[in-house]
Amino acid sequence: PLVNPPQSGILGMHAILERPVAHEGTVVIRPMMYL
């Protein structure tokens, strides 16, 4: 995302997708979002 001047930051949220992730030594499927 592009900053809205004169601000200094903008947070971009994205789609929630189920993906395999490592959790406590095992692979689990979790709803993940990139920020």
All heavy atoms as atom14 arrays in JSON, in Angstrom:
{
  "sequence": "PLVNPPQSGILGMHAILERPVAHEGTVVIRPMMYL",
  "atom14_mask": [
    [1, 1, 1, 1, 1, 1, 1, 0, 0, 0, 0, 0, 0, 0],
    [1, 1, 1, 1, 1, 1, 1, 1, 0, 0, 0, 0, 0, 0],
    [1, 1, 1, 1, 1, 1, 1, 0, 0, 0, 0, 0, 0, 0],
    [1, 1, 1, 1, 1, 1, 1, 1, 0, 0, 0, 0, 0, 0],
    [1, 1, 1, 1, 1, 1, 1, 0, 0, 0, 0, 0, 0, 0],
    [1, 1, 1, 1, 1, 1, 1, 0, 0, 0, 0, 0, 0, 0],
    [1, 1, 1, 1, 1, 1, 1, 1, 1, 0, 0, 0, 0, 0],
    [1, 1, 1, 1, 1, 1, 0, 0, 0, 0, 0, 0, 0, 0],
    [1, 1, 1, 1, 0, 0, 0, 0, 0, 0, 0, 0, 0, 0],
    [1, 1, 1, 1, 1, 1, 1, 1, 0, 0, 0, 0, 0, 0],
    [1, 1, 1, 1, 1, 1, 1, 1, 0, 0, 0, 0, 0, 0],
    [1, 1, 1, 1, 0, 0, 0, 0, 0, 0, 0, 0, 0, 0],
    [1, 1, 1, 1, 1, 1, 1, 1, 0, 0, 0, 0, 0, 0],
    [1, 1, 1, 1, 1, 1, 1, 1, 1, 1, 0, 0, 0, 0],
    [1, 1, 1, 1, 1, 0, 0, 0, 0, 0, 0, 0, 0, 0],
    [1, 1, 1, 1, 1, 1, 1, 1, 0, 0, 0, 0, 0, 0],
    [1, 1, 1, 1, 1, 1, 1, 1, 0, 0, 0, 0, 0, 0],
    [1, 1, 1, 1, 1, 1, 1, 1, 1, 0, 0, 0, 0, 0],
    [1, 1, 1, 1, 1, 1, 1, 1, 1, 1, 1, 0, 0, 0],
    [1, 1, 1, 1, 1, 1, 1, 0, 0, 0, 0, 0, 0, 0],
    [1, 1, 1, 1, 1, 1, 1, 0, 0, 0, 0, 0, 0, 0],
    [1, 1, 1, 1, 1, 0, 0, 0, 0, 0, 0, 0, 0, 0],
    [1, 1, 1, 1, 1, 1, 1, 1, 1, 1, 0, 0, 0, 0],
    [1, 1, 1, 1, 1, 1, 1, 1, 1, 0, 0, 0, 0, 0],
    [1, 1, 1, 1, 0, 0, 0, 0, 0, 0, 0, 0, 0, 0],
    [1, 1, 1, 1, 1, 1, 1, 0, 0, 0, 0, 0, 0, 0],
    [1, 1, 1, 1, 1, 1, 1, 0, 0, 0, 0, 0, 0, 0],
    [1, 1, 1, 1, 1, 1, 1, 0, 0, 0, 0, 0, 0, 0],
    [1, 1, 1, 1, 1, 1, 1, 1, 0, 0, 0, 0, 0, 0],
    [1, 1, 1, 1, 1, 1, 1, 1, 1, 1, 1, 0, 0, 0],
    [1, 1, 1, 1, 1, 1, 1, 0, 0, 0, 0, 0, 0, 0],
    [1, 1, 1, 1, 1, 1, 1, 1, 0, 0, 0, 0, 0, 0],
    [1, 1, 1, 1, 1, 1, 1, 1, 0, 0, 0, 0, 0, 0],
    [1, 1, 1, 1, 1, 1, 1, 1, 1, 1, 1, 1, 0, 0],
    [1, 1, 1, 1, 1, 1, 1, 1, 0, 0, 0, 0, 0, 0]
  ],
  "atom14_positions": [
    [[0.82, -1.21, 0.0], [0.0, 0.0, 0.0], [0.85, 1.26, 0.0], [2.01, 1.24, 0.45], [-0.81, -0.13, 1.3], [0.04, -1.0, 2.18], [0.72, -1.96, 1.27], [0.0, 0.0, 0.0], [0.0, 0.0, 0.0], [0.0, 0.0, 0.0], [0.0, 0.0, 0.0], [0.0, 0.0, 0.0], [0.0, 0.0, 0.0], [0.0, 0.0, 0.0]],
    [[0.3, 2.35, -0.52], [1.01, 3.61, -0.58], [0.57, 4.53, 0.55], [-0.62, 4.64, 0.86], [0.78, 4.3, -1.92], [1.52, 3.72, -3.12], [1.17, 4.49, -4.39], [3.02, 3.75, -2.9], [0.0, 0.0, 0.0], [0.0, 0.0, 0.0], [0.0, 0.0, 0.0], [0.0, 0.0, 0.0], [0.0, 0.0, 0.0], [0.0, 0.0, 0.0]],
    [[1.53, 5.21, 1.14], [1.27, 6.12, 2.26], [0.45, 7.31, 1.79], [0.61, 7.81, 0.67], [2.61, 6.6, 2.87], [2.38, 7.7, 3.9], [3.35, 5.43, 3.51], [0.0, 0.0, 0.0], [0.0, 0.0, 0.0], [0.0, 0.0, 0.0], [0.0, 0.0, 0.0], [0.0, 0.0, 0.0], [0.0, 0.0, 0.0], [0.0, 0.0, 0.0]],
    [[-0.46, 7.76, 2.65], [-1.28, 8.93, 2.38], [-0.61, 10.15, 2.99], [-0.65, 10.34, 4.2], [-2.68, 8.71, 2.99], [-3.63, 9.86, 2.69], [-3.43, 10.62, 1.75], [-4.65, 10.0, 3.51], [0.0, 0.0, 0.0], [0.0, 0.0, 0.0], [0.0, 0.0, 0.0], [0.0, 0.0, 0.0], [0.0, 0.0, 0.0], [0.0, 0.0, 0.0]],
    [[0.07, 11.01, 2.19], [0.79, 12.16, 2.75], [-0.14, 13.07, 3.55], [-1.31, 13.2, 3.2], [1.31, 12.89, 1.49], [1.25, 11.88, 0.4], [0.11, 10.98, 0.72], [0.0, 0.0, 0.0], [0.0, 0.0, 0.0], [0.0, 0.0, 0.0], [0.0, 0.0, 0.0], [0.0, 0.0, 0.0], [0.0, 0.0, 0.0], [0.0, 0.0, 0.0]],
    [[0.34, 13.69, 4.63], [1.72, 13.66, 5.15], [1.97, 12.57, 6.18], [2.94, 12.66, 6.94], [1.83, 15.04, 5.79], [0.47, 15.28, 6.37], [-0.49, 14.68, 5.37], [0.0, 0.0, 0.0], [0.0, 0.0, 0.0], [0.0, 0.0, 0.0], [0.0, 0.0, 0.0], [0.0, 0.0, 0.0], [0.0, 0.0, 0.0], [0.0, 0.0, 0.0]],
    [[1.11, 11.56, 6.24], [1.32, 10.47, 7.19], [2.62, 9.74, 6.89], [3.18, 9.87, 5.8], [0.14, 9.5, 7.14], [-1.2, 10.13, 7.55], [-2.37, 9.19, 7.32], [-2.21, 7.98, 7.25], [-3.57, 9.75, 7.21], [0.0, 0.0, 0.0], [0.0, 0.0, 0.0], [0.0, 0.0, 0.0], [0.0, 0.0, 0.0], [0.0, 0.0, 0.0]],
    [[3.06, 8.94, 7.84], [4.33, 8.23, 7.67], [4.16, 6.73, 7.55], [5.14, 6.02, 7.35], [5.26, 8.54, 8.86], [5.58, 9.91, 8.88], [0.0, 0.0, 0.0], [0.0, 0.0, 0.0], [0.0, 0.0, 0.0], [0.0, 0.0, 0.0], [0.0, 0.0, 0.0], [0.0, 0.0, 0.0], [0.0, 0.0, 0.0], [0.0, 0.0, 0.0]],
    [[2.93, 6.23, 7.69], [2.76, 4.79, 7.6], [1.35, 4.39, 7.23], [0.39, 5.13, 7.46], [0.0, 0.0, 0.0], [0.0, 0.0, 0.0], [0.0, 0.0, 0.0], [0.0, 0.0, 0.0], [0.0, 0.0, 0.0], [0.0, 0.0, 0.0], [0.0, 0.0, 0.0], [0.0, 0.0, 0.0], [0.0, 0.0, 0.0], [0.0, 0.0, 0.0]],
    [[1.23, 3.21, 6.63], [-0.08, 2.63, 6.3], [0.03, 1.12, 6.46], [1.01, 0.5, 6.03], [-0.54, 3.0, 4.88], [-1.91, 2.35, 4.56], [0.48, 2.6, 3.84], [-2.51, 2.84, 3.25], [0.0, 0.0, 0.0], [0.0, 0.0, 0.0], [0.0, 0.0, 0.0], [0.0, 0.0, 0.0], [0.0, 0.0, 0.0], [0.0, 0.0, 0.0]],
    [[-0.96, 0.52, 7.12], [-0.98, -0.92, 7.33], [-1.92, -1.55, 6.31], [-3.08, -1.16, 6.18], [-1.48, -1.24, 8.75], [-1.61, -2.73, 9.1], [-0.23, -3.38, 9.16], [-2.36, -2.91, 10.41], [0.0, 0.0, 0.0], [0.0, 0.0, 0.0], [0.0, 0.0, 0.0], [0.0, 0.0, 0.0], [0.0, 0.0, 0.0], [0.0, 0.0, 0.0]],
    [[-1.42, -2.54, 5.6], [-2.22, -3.26, 4.62], [-2.63, -4.63, 5.14], [-1.77, -5.44, 5.49], [0.0, 0.0, 0.0], [0.0, 0.0, 0.0], [0.0, 0.0, 0.0], [0.0, 0.0, 0.0], [0.0, 0.0, 0.0], [0.0, 0.0, 0.0], [0.0, 0.0, 0.0], [0.0, 0.0, 0.0], [0.0, 0.0, 0.0], [0.0, 0.0, 0.0]],
    [[-3.95, -4.88, 5.22], [-4.48, -6.19, 5.56], [-4.79, -6.95, 4.27], [-5.03, -6.33, 3.24], [-5.76, -6.05, 6.39], [-5.59, -5.31, 7.7], [-7.18, -4.8, 8.42], [-8.08, -6.36, 8.47], [0.0, 0.0, 0.0], [0.0, 0.0, 0.0], [0.0, 0.0, 0.0], [0.0, 0.0, 0.0], [0.0, 0.0, 0.0], [0.0, 0.0, 0.0]],
    [[-4.8, -8.26, 4.36], [-5.03, -9.06, 3.16], [-5.96, -10.23, 3.45], [-6.46, -10.37, 4.56], [-3.69, -9.53, 2.58], [-2.8, -8.39, 2.17], [-1.89, -7.81, 3.04], [-2.71, -7.69, 1.02], [-1.27, -6.81, 2.43], [-1.75, -6.72, 1.21], [0.0, 0.0, 0.0], [0.0, 0.0, 0.0], [0.0, 0.0, 0.0], [0.0, 0.0, 0.0]],
    [[-6.18, -11.04, 2.42], [-7.14, -12.14, 2.56], [-6.64, -13.17, 3.57], [-5.44, -13.41, 3.72], [-7.34, -12.8, 1.2], [0.0, 0.0, 0.0], [0.0, 0.0, 0.0], [0.0, 0.0, 0.0], [0.0, 0.0, 0.0], [0.0, 0.0, 0.0], [0.0, 0.0, 0.0], [0.0, 0.0, 0.0], [0.0, 0.0, 0.0], [0.0, 0.0, 0.0]],
    [[-7.59, -13.78, 4.28], [-7.29, -14.86, 5.22], [-7.37, -16.18, 4.46], [-8.43, -16.54, 3.92], [-8.27, -14.86, 6.4], [-8.21, -13.51, 7.13], [-7.97, -16.0, 7.36], [-9.27, -13.35, 8.2], [0.0, 0.0, 0.0], [0.0, 0.0, 0.0], [0.0, 0.0, 0.0], [0.0, 0.0, 0.0], [0.0, 0.0, 0.0], [0.0, 0.0, 0.0]],
    [[-6.25, -16.89, 4.41], [-6.19, -18.16, 3.67], [-5.63, -19.25, 4.58], [-4.67, -19.02, 5.33], [-5.3, -18.03, 2.43], [-5.73, -16.99, 1.39], [-4.67, -16.88, 0.3], [-7.07, -17.38, 0.78], [0.0, 0.0, 0.0], [0.0, 0.0, 0.0], [0.0, 0.0, 0.0], [0.0, 0.0, 0.0], [0.0, 0.0, 0.0], [0.0, 0.0, 0.0]],
    [[-6.22, -20.42, 4.5], [-5.71, -21.54, 5.26], [-4.42, -22.05, 4.61], [-4.41, -22.37, 3.43], [-6.75, -22.66, 5.35], [-7.94, -22.29, 6.25], [-8.8, -23.5, 6.55], [-8.71, -24.5, 5.81], [-9.55, -23.44, 7.55], [0.0, 0.0, 0.0], [0.0, 0.0, 0.0], [0.0, 0.0, 0.0], [0.0, 0.0, 0.0], [0.0, 0.0, 0.0]],
    [[-3.35, -22.12, 5.44], [-2.06, -22.55, 4.92], [-1.38, -23.45, 5.95], [-1.59, -23.31, 7.16], [-1.16, -21.34, 4.63], [-1.63, -20.5, 3.45], [-0.59, -19.46, 3.05], [-0.62, -18.29, 3.93], [0.37, -17.97, 4.74], [1.46, -18.72, 4.82], [0.29, -16.88, 5.48], [0.0, 0.0, 0.0], [0.0, 0.0, 0.0], [0.0, 0.0, 0.0]],
    [[-0.51, -24.34, 5.49], [0.26, -25.16, 6.44], [1.36, -24.33, 7.09], [2.12, -23.64, 6.4], [0.84, -26.27, 5.55], [0.88, -25.68, 4.17], [-0.27, -24.73, 4.09], [0.0, 0.0, 0.0], [0.0, 0.0, 0.0], [0.0, 0.0, 0.0], [0.0, 0.0, 0.0], [0.0, 0.0, 0.0], [0.0, 0.0, 0.0], [0.0, 0.0, 0.0]],
    [[1.43, -24.37, 8.41], [2.46, -23.64, 9.14], [3.02, -24.55, 10.23], [2.37, -25.5, 10.68], [1.91, -22.34, 9.78], [1.48, -21.35, 8.72], [0.76, -22.65, 10.73], [0.0, 0.0, 0.0], [0.0, 0.0, 0.0], [0.0, 0.0, 0.0], [0.0, 0.0, 0.0], [0.0, 0.0, 0.0], [0.0, 0.0, 0.0], [0.0, 0.0, 0.0]],
    [[4.25, -24.25, 10.63], [4.89, -25.02, 11.71], [4.41, -24.5, 13.05], [4.41, -23.28, 13.3], [6.4, -24.91, 11.61], [0.0, 0.0, 0.0], [0.0, 0.0, 0.0], [0.0, 0.0, 0.0], [0.0, 0.0, 0.0], [0.0, 0.0, 0.0], [0.0, 0.0, 0.0], [0.0, 0.0, 0.0], [0.0, 0.0, 0.0], [0.0, 0.0, 0.0]],
    [[3.98, -25.41, 13.95], [3.51, -25.02, 15.28], [3.94, -26.08, 16.28], [3.48, -27.22, 16.23], [1.99, -24.86, 15.28], [1.43, -24.5, 16.62], [1.63, -23.27, 17.19], [0.68, -25.23, 17.51], [1.02, -23.23, 18.37], [0.44, -24.41, 18.59], [0.0, 0.0, 0.0], [0.0, 0.0, 0.0], [0.0, 0.0, 0.0], [0.0, 0.0, 0.0]],
    [[4.86, -25.68, 17.18], [5.35, -26.57, 18.23], [5.86, -27.88, 17.66], [5.55, -28.98, 18.15], [4.27, -26.83, 19.28], [3.84, -25.56, 20.01], [2.77, -25.84, 21.06], [2.26, -26.98, 21.1], [2.44, -24.92, 21.83], [0.0, 0.0, 0.0], [0.0, 0.0, 0.0], [0.0, 0.0, 0.0], [0.0, 0.0, 0.0], [0.0, 0.0, 0.0]],
    [[6.62, -27.78, 16.58], [7.28, -28.95, 16.01], [6.45, -29.77, 15.06], [6.93, -30.79, 14.54], [0.0, 0.0, 0.0], [0.0, 0.0, 0.0], [0.0, 0.0, 0.0], [0.0, 0.0, 0.0], [0.0, 0.0, 0.0], [0.0, 0.0, 0.0], [0.0, 0.0, 0.0], [0.0, 0.0, 0.0], [0.0, 0.0, 0.0], [0.0, 0.0, 0.0]],
    [[5.21, -29.34, 14.8], [4.36, -30.07, 13.86], [3.81, -29.12, 12.82], [3.77, -27.9, 13.02], [3.19, -30.76, 14.58], [2.39, -29.76, 15.22], [3.69, -31.75, 15.63], [0.0, 0.0, 0.0], [0.0, 0.0, 0.0], [0.0, 0.0, 0.0], [0.0, 0.0, 0.0], [0.0, 0.0, 0.0], [0.0, 0.0, 0.0], [0.0, 0.0, 0.0]],
    [[3.36, -29.68, 11.71], [2.75, -28.88, 10.65], [1.24, -28.9, 10.83], [0.62, -29.97, 10.88], [3.13, -29.41, 9.25], [2.42, -28.6, 8.17], [4.64, -29.33, 9.05], [0.0, 0.0, 0.0], [0.0, 0.0, 0.0], [0.0, 0.0, 0.0], [0.0, 0.0, 0.0], [0.0, 0.0, 0.0], [0.0, 0.0, 0.0], [0.0, 0.0, 0.0]],
    [[0.65, -27.7, 10.94], [-0.8, -27.59, 11.13], [-1.37, -26.64, 10.08], [-0.64, -25.82, 9.49], [-1.15, -27.07, 12.55], [-0.71, -28.08, 13.61], [-0.49, -25.71, 12.8], [0.0, 0.0, 0.0], [0.0, 0.0, 0.0], [0.0, 0.0, 0.0], [0.0, 0.0, 0.0], [0.0, 0.0, 0.0], [0.0, 0.0, 0.0], [0.0, 0.0, 0.0]],
    [[-2.66, -26.73, 9.86], [-3.34, -25.84, 8.93], [-3.97, -24.71, 9.74], [-4.77, -24.96, 10.64], [-4.42, -26.56, 8.12], [-3.81, -27.75, 7.36], [-5.11, -25.6, 7.14], [-2.77, -27.37, 6.36], [0.0, 0.0, 0.0], [0.0, 0.0, 0.0], [0.0, 0.0, 0.0], [0.0, 0.0, 0.0], [0.0, 0.0, 0.0], [0.0, 0.0, 0.0]],
    [[-3.6, -23.47, 9.42], [-4.1, -22.32, 10.17], [-4.59, -21.23, 9.2], [-4.05, -21.09, 8.09], [-3.0, -21.73, 11.07], [-2.61, -22.63, 12.22], [-3.73, -22.78, 13.21], [-3.43, -23.69, 14.29], [-2.79, -23.37, 15.42], [-2.36, -22.14, 15.6], [-2.58, -24.28, 16.34], [0.0, 0.0, 0.0], [0.0, 0.0, 0.0], [0.0, 0.0, 0.0]],
    [[-5.58, -20.44, 9.63], [-6.02, -19.29, 8.81], [-5.0, -18.15, 8.95], [-4.9, -17.53, 10.01], [-7.38, -18.92, 9.43], [-7.29, -19.37, 10.85], [-6.4, -20.58, 10.86], [0.0, 0.0, 0.0], [0.0, 0.0, 0.0], [0.0, 0.0, 0.0], [0.0, 0.0, 0.0], [0.0, 0.0, 0.0], [0.0, 0.0, 0.0], [0.0, 0.0, 0.0]],
    [[-4.28, -17.9, 7.92], [-3.17, -16.93, 7.97], [-3.47, -15.7, 7.12], [-4.16, -15.78, 6.09], [-1.87, -17.58, 7.49], [-1.48, -18.85, 8.24], [-1.14, -18.57, 9.99], [0.35, -17.55, 9.89], [0.0, 0.0, 0.0], [0.0, 0.0, 0.0], [0.0, 0.0, 0.0], [0.0, 0.0, 0.0], [0.0, 0.0, 0.0], [0.0, 0.0, 0.0]],
    [[-2.95, -14.58, 7.56], [-3.06, -13.33, 6.81], [-1.69, -12.68, 6.72], [-0.96, -12.6, 7.71], [-4.02, -12.35, 7.51], [-4.09, -10.96, 6.83], [-4.91, -9.69, 7.82], [-6.61, -10.22, 7.72], [0.0, 0.0, 0.0], [0.0, 0.0, 0.0], [0.0, 0.0, 0.0], [0.0, 0.0, 0.0], [0.0, 0.0, 0.0], [0.0, 0.0, 0.0]],
    [[-1.35, -12.21, 5.52], [-0.14, -11.41, 5.37], [-0.45, -9.96, 5.73], [-1.5, -9.42, 5.36], [0.37, -11.47, 3.93], [1.04, -12.78, 3.57], [0.51, -13.6, 2.57], [2.19, -13.19, 4.22], [1.11, -14.8, 2.23], [2.8, -14.4, 3.89], [2.26, -15.19, 2.9], [2.86, -16.38, 2.58], [0.0, 0.0, 0.0], [0.0, 0.0, 0.0]],
    [[0.48, -9.33, 6.44], [0.39, -7.91, 6.77], [1.52, -7.17, 6.08], [2.63, -7.7, 5.94], [0.49, -7.69, 8.29], [-0.6, -8.28, 9.17], [-0.3, -7.98, 10.63], [-1.96, -7.74, 8.77], [0.0, 0.0, 0.0], [0.0, 0.0, 0.0], [0.0, 0.0, 0.0], [0.0, 0.0, 0.0], [0.0, 0.0, 0.0], [0.0, 0.0, 0.0]]
  ]
}
